[in-house]
Amino acid sequence: MPGPRVNDIVARLEKGMVKTREKFSSLSAEGWRALVYEGPPPWTARDLAAHFYSAEVGLLLMARDVAAGGQGAPEGFDFDGFNAQEQQRLAGMAPQEVLASLAQARAETIEFARALTEEQLDLVGRHPALGRVSIEVMLTAIYGHQLMHMREALARLG
């Protein structure tokens, strides 16, 4: 049975996904093309959803690596370069495909989190933006990352 910290992380991840899905699901075709960040490069709402998906997959891989005794992100990881590369790779995905992929990635993150012990939450590795942090912080940062961007996007999208 998961411990209290694991349960808290899972609850945040679930709550964040519900809010993200609600906002993105309400967008019209025009809303998906609305500019959220001017850049460079500029990002539309669809690009932001693709970023959420890509970041979720990458950060989960890093957390799994740390849980298995690895270092997490390599030293000097270029997350701006990674984000630009990922935007190109995912450019052909339709908005609903991006949302479905994000939901699947979040389900995998939650499944991973639920399987962790409280002790594993304290394992430390490298996060691409935060440096050396615990798995608990890595997983909480996934939630915080989306929350930060959603607040900024809502200011733009209304």
C-alpha atoms as a PDB file:
ATOM      1  CA  MET A   1       0.000   0.000   0.000  1.00  0.00           C
ATOM      2  CA  PRO A   2       1.446   3.397  -0.944  1.00  0.00           C
ATOM      3  CA  GLY A   3       2.590   5.693   1.816  1.00  0.00           C
ATOM      4  CA  PRO A   4       1.297   9.216   2.495  1.00  0.00           C
ATOM      5  CA  ARG A   5       3.896  11.026   0.386  1.00  0.00           C
ATOM      6  CA  VAL A   6       3.239   8.723  -2.568  1.00  0.00           C
ATOM      7  CA  ASN A   7      -0.503   9.279  -2.165  1.00  0.00           C
ATOM      8  CA  ASP A   8       0.038  13.044  -2.125  1.00  0.00           C
ATOM      9  CA  ILE A   9       2.078  12.928  -5.333  1.00  0.00           C
ATOM     10  CA  VAL A  10      -0.492  10.718  -7.048  1.00  0.00           C
ATOM     11  CA  ALA A  11      -3.316  13.050  -5.989  1.00  0.00           C
ATOM     12  CA  ARG A  12      -1.472  16.065  -7.412  1.00  0.00           C
ATOM     13  CA  LEU A  13      -0.717  14.282 -10.673  1.00  0.00           C
ATOM     14  CA  GLU A  14      -4.338  13.184 -11.041  1.00  0.00           C
ATOM     15  CA  LYS A  15      -5.677  16.649 -10.213  1.00  0.00           C
ATOM     16  CA  GLY A  16      -3.282  18.307 -12.629  1.00  0.00           C
ATOM     17  CA  MET A  17      -4.261  15.983 -15.459  1.00  0.00           C
ATOM     18  CA  VAL A  18      -7.971  16.615 -14.900  1.00  0.00           C
ATOM     19  CA  LYS A  19      -7.441  20.374 -15.052  1.00  0.00           C
ATOM     20  CA  THR A  20      -5.196  20.150 -18.111  1.00  0.00           C
ATOM     21  CA  ARG A  21      -7.618  17.864 -19.940  1.00  0.00           C
ATOM     22  CA  GLU A  22     -10.586  20.115 -19.080  1.00  0.00           C
ATOM     23  CA  LYS A  23      -8.892  23.229 -20.430  1.00  0.00           C
ATOM     24  CA  PHE A  24      -7.482  21.680 -23.583  1.00  0.00           C
ATOM     25  CA  SER A  25     -10.655  19.698 -24.331  1.00  0.00           C
ATOM     26  CA  SER A  26     -12.658  22.919 -24.340  1.00  0.00           C
ATOM     27  CA  LEU A  27     -10.528  24.520 -27.075  1.00  0.00           C
ATOM     28  CA  SER A  28     -11.944  25.097 -30.519  1.00  0.00           C
ATOM     29  CA  ALA A  29      -9.844  24.488 -33.636  1.00  0.00           C
ATOM     30  CA  GLU A  30      -8.948  28.176 -33.501  1.00  0.00           C
ATOM     31  CA  GLY A  31      -8.069  27.881 -29.810  1.00  0.00           C
ATOM     32  CA  TRP A  32      -5.579  25.097 -30.534  1.00  0.00           C
ATOM     33  CA  ARG A  33      -3.821  27.464 -32.946  1.00  0.00           C
ATOM     34  CA  ALA A  34      -3.849  30.382 -30.502  1.00  0.00           C
ATOM     35  CA  LEU A  35      -0.441  31.741 -29.619  1.00  0.00           C
ATOM     36  CA  VAL A  36       0.543  31.002 -26.024  1.00  0.00           C
ATOM     37  CA  TYR A  37       4.228  31.953 -26.148  1.00  0.00           C
ATOM     38  CA  GLU A  38       5.715  34.379 -28.641  1.00  0.00           C
ATOM     39  CA  GLY A  39       9.050  32.602 -28.551  1.00  0.00           C
ATOM     40  CA  PRO A  40      11.405  32.182 -30.086  1.00  0.00           C
ATOM     41  CA  PRO A  41      10.118  29.818 -31.218  1.00  0.00           C
ATOM     42  CA  PRO A  42       6.440  30.717 -30.867  1.00  0.00           C
ATOM     43  CA  TRP A  43       4.206  28.083 -29.244  1.00  0.00           C
ATOM     44  CA  THR A  44       0.512  27.564 -29.827  1.00  0.00           C
ATOM     45  CA  ALA A  45      -1.797  25.798 -27.413  1.00  0.00           C
ATOM     46  CA  ARG A  46      -1.181  22.601 -29.416  1.00  0.00           C
ATOM     47  CA  ASP A  47       2.566  23.088 -29.081  1.00  0.00           C
ATOM     48  CA  LEU A  48       2.175  23.541 -25.328  1.00  0.00           C
ATOM     49  CA  ALA A  49       0.187  20.306 -25.035  1.00  0.00           C
ATOM     50  CA  ALA A  50       2.890  18.543 -27.076  1.00  0.00           C
ATOM     51  CA  HIS A  51       5.489  19.993 -24.694  1.00  0.00           C
ATOM     52  CA  PHE A  52       3.568  18.592 -21.721  1.00  0.00           C
ATOM     53  CA  TYR A  53       3.514  15.170 -23.360  1.00  0.00           C
ATOM     54  CA  SER A  54       7.196  15.218 -24.290  1.00  0.00           C
ATOM     55  CA  ALA A  55       8.302  16.524 -20.895  1.00  0.00           C
ATOM     56  CA  GLU A  56       6.191  13.941 -19.072  1.00  0.00           C
ATOM     57  CA  VAL A  57       7.758  11.066 -20.997  1.00  0.00           C
ATOM     58  CA  GLY A  58      11.288  12.401 -20.566  1.00  0.00           C
ATOM     59  CA  LEU A  59      10.949  13.198 -16.878  1.00  0.00           C
ATOM     60  CA  LEU A  60       9.397   9.810 -16.158  1.00  0.00           C
ATOM     61  CA  LEU A  61      12.350   8.118 -17.878  1.00  0.00           C
ATOM     62  CA  MET A  62      14.717  10.111 -15.685  1.00  0.00           C
ATOM     63  CA  ALA A  63      12.805   9.287 -12.487  1.00  0.00           C
ATOM     64  CA  ARG A  64      12.793   5.584 -13.427  1.00  0.00           C
ATOM     65  CA  ASP A  65      16.524   5.784 -14.043  1.00  0.00           C
ATOM     66  CA  VAL A  66      17.122   7.275 -10.594  1.00  0.00           C
ATOM     67  CA  ALA A  67      14.883   4.647  -8.973  1.00  0.00           C
ATOM     68  CA  ALA A  68      17.042   1.975 -10.642  1.00  0.00           C
ATOM     69  CA  GLY A  69      20.254   3.537  -9.297  1.00  0.00           C
ATOM     70  CA  GLY A  70      21.055   5.798 -12.246  1.00  0.00           C
ATOM     71  CA  GLN A  71      21.932   9.476 -12.375  1.00  0.00           C
ATOM     72  CA  GLY A  72      18.801  10.844 -14.089  1.00  0.00           C
ATOM     73  CA  ALA A  73      19.443  13.585 -16.635  1.00  0.00           C
ATOM     74  CA  PRO A  74      22.961  13.666 -18.029  1.00  0.00           C
ATOM     75  CA  GLU A  75      25.135  16.520 -16.842  1.00  0.00           C
ATOM     76  CA  GLY A  76      24.781  19.520 -19.139  1.00  0.00           C
ATOM     77  CA  PHE A  77      21.428  18.339 -20.519  1.00  0.00           C
ATOM     78  CA  ASP A  78      20.199  20.999 -22.965  1.00  0.00           C
ATOM     79  CA  PHE A  79      16.492  21.168 -22.225  1.00  0.00           C
ATOM     80  CA  ASP A  80      15.936  24.112 -24.589  1.00  0.00           C
ATOM     81  CA  GLY A  81      17.486  22.095 -27.416  1.00  0.00           C
ATOM     82  CA  PHE A  82      15.513  19.032 -26.354  1.00  0.00           C
ATOM     83  CA  ASN A  83      12.257  21.020 -26.335  1.00  0.00           C
ATOM     84  CA  ALA A  84      12.940  22.435 -29.799  1.00  0.00           C
ATOM     85  CA  GLN A  85      13.766  18.984 -31.161  1.00  0.00           C
ATOM     86  CA  GLU A  86      10.647  17.503 -29.592  1.00  0.00           C
ATOM     87  CA  GLN A  87       8.423  20.226 -31.045  1.00  0.00           C
ATOM     88  CA  GLN A  88       9.722  19.312 -34.509  1.00  0.00           C
ATOM     89  CA  ARG A  89       9.252  15.593 -33.874  1.00  0.00           C
ATOM     90  CA  LEU A  90       5.681  16.024 -32.634  1.00  0.00           C
ATOM     91  CA  ALA A  91       4.612  18.723 -35.112  1.00  0.00           C
ATOM     92  CA  GLY A  92       2.451  16.324 -37.141  1.00  0.00           C
ATOM     93  CA  MET A  93       0.332  15.173 -34.198  1.00  0.00           C
ATOM     94  CA  ALA A  94      -3.251  16.391 -34.165  1.00  0.00           C
ATOM     95  CA  PRO A  95      -4.426  18.062 -30.940  1.00  0.00           C
ATOM     96  CA  GLN A  96      -6.602  15.121 -29.860  1.00  0.00           C
ATOM     97  CA  GLU A  97      -3.725  12.722 -30.514  1.00  0.00           C
ATOM     98  CA  VAL A  98      -1.470  14.878 -28.332  1.00  0.00           C
ATOM     99  CA  LEU A  99      -4.063  14.870 -25.531  1.00  0.00           C
ATOM    100  CA  ALA A 100      -4.493  11.097 -25.726  1.00  0.00           C
ATOM    101  CA  SER A 101      -0.705  10.628 -25.640  1.00  0.00           C
ATOM    102  CA  LEU A 102      -0.411  12.987 -22.671  1.00  0.00           C
ATOM    103  CA  ALA A 103      -3.150  11.112 -20.793  1.00  0.00           C
ATOM    104  CA  GLN A 104      -1.348   7.811 -21.439  1.00  0.00           C
ATOM    105  CA  ALA A 105       1.974   9.269 -20.305  1.00  0.00           C
ATOM    106  CA  ARG A 106       0.369  10.632 -17.136  1.00  0.00           C
ATOM    107  CA  ALA A 107      -1.210   7.244 -16.412  1.00  0.00           C
ATOM    108  CA  GLU A 108       2.265   5.692 -16.682  1.00  0.00           C
ATOM    109  CA  THR A 109       3.707   8.342 -14.347  1.00  0.00           C
ATOM    110  CA  ILE A 110       0.970   7.653 -11.799  1.00  0.00           C
ATOM    111  CA  GLU A 111       1.493   3.899 -12.087  1.00  0.00           C
ATOM    112  CA  PHE A 112       5.225   4.392 -11.498  1.00  0.00           C
ATOM    113  CA  ALA A 113       4.594   6.688  -8.521  1.00  0.00           C
ATOM    114  CA  ARG A 114       2.137   4.252  -6.911  1.00  0.00           C
ATOM    115  CA  ALA A 115       4.752   1.485  -7.039  1.00  0.00           C
ATOM    116  CA  LEU A 116       7.357   3.544  -5.156  1.00  0.00           C
ATOM    117  CA  THR A 117       8.132   3.107  -1.512  1.00  0.00           C
ATOM    118  CA  GLU A 118       8.497   6.117   0.727  1.00  0.00           C
ATOM    119  CA  GLU A 119      12.238   5.346   0.879  1.00  0.00           C
ATOM    120  CA  GLN A 120      12.554   5.409  -2.906  1.00  0.00           C
ATOM    121  CA  LEU A 121      11.104   8.907  -2.934  1.00  0.00           C
ATOM    122  CA  ASP A 122      14.313  10.033  -1.223  1.00  0.00           C
ATOM    123  CA  LEU A 123      16.663   8.698  -3.924  1.00  0.00           C
ATOM    124  CA  VAL A 124      18.509  11.574  -5.585  1.00  0.00           C
ATOM    125  CA  GLY A 125      19.366  12.138  -9.227  1.00  0.00           C
ATOM    126  CA  ARG A 126      19.685  14.951 -11.736  1.00  0.00           C
ATOM    127  CA  HIS A 127      16.619  16.823 -13.003  1.00  0.00           C
ATOM    128  CA  PRO A 128      17.290  18.772 -16.221  1.00  0.00           C
ATOM    129  CA  ALA A 129      16.162  22.114 -14.785  1.00  0.00           C
ATOM    130  CA  LEU A 130      16.367  21.667 -10.998  1.00  0.00           C
ATOM    131  CA  GLY A 131      19.704  19.904 -10.648  1.00  0.00           C
ATOM    132  CA  ARG A 132      20.181  17.141  -8.066  1.00  0.00           C
ATOM    133  CA  VAL A 133      16.858  16.453  -6.399  1.00  0.00           C
ATOM    134  CA  SER A 134      14.914  13.523  -4.960  1.00  0.00           C
ATOM    135  CA  ILE A 135      12.463  11.416  -6.942  1.00  0.00           C
ATOM    136  CA  GLU A 136       9.751  13.035  -4.826  1.00  0.00           C
ATOM    137  CA  VAL A 137      10.771  16.462  -6.127  1.00  0.00           C
ATOM    138  CA  MET A 138      11.074  15.137  -9.706  1.00  0.00           C
ATOM    139  CA  LEU A 139       7.521  13.814  -9.657  1.00  0.00           C
ATOM    140  CA  THR A 140       6.116  16.862  -7.896  1.00  0.00           C
ATOM    141  CA  ALA A 141       7.896  19.044 -10.469  1.00  0.00           C
ATOM    142  CA  ILE A 142       5.943  17.332 -13.279  1.00  0.00           C
ATOM    143  CA  TYR A 143       2.761  18.616 -11.663  1.00  0.00           C
ATOM    144  CA  GLY A 144       4.274  22.038 -10.955  1.00  0.00           C
ATOM    145  CA  HIS A 145       5.648  22.368 -14.478  1.00  0.00           C
ATOM    146  CA  GLN A 146       2.220  21.872 -16.030  1.00  0.00           C
ATOM    147  CA  LEU A 147       0.558  24.113 -13.460  1.00  0.00           C
ATOM    148  CA  MET A 148       2.979  26.958 -14.198  1.00  0.00           C
ATOM    149  CA  HIS A 149       2.458  26.709 -17.954  1.00  0.00           C
ATOM    150  CA  MET A 150      -1.324  26.339 -17.610  1.00  0.00           C
ATOM    151  CA  ARG A 151      -1.511  29.539 -15.561  1.00  0.00           C
ATOM    152  CA  GLU A 152       0.450  31.359 -18.239  1.00  0.00           C
ATOM    153  CA  ALA A 153      -1.654  29.814 -21.012  1.00  0.00           C
ATOM    154  CA  LEU A 154      -4.937  30.681 -19.313  1.00  0.00           C
ATOM    155  CA  ALA A 155      -3.845  34.298 -19.120  1.00  0.00           C
ATOM    156  CA  ARG A 156      -3.466  34.198 -22.906  1.00  0.00           C
ATOM    157  CA  LEU A 157      -6.343  31.916 -23.859  1.00  0.00           C
ATOM    158  CA  GLY A 158      -8.874  33.125 -21.309  1.00  0.00           C
END
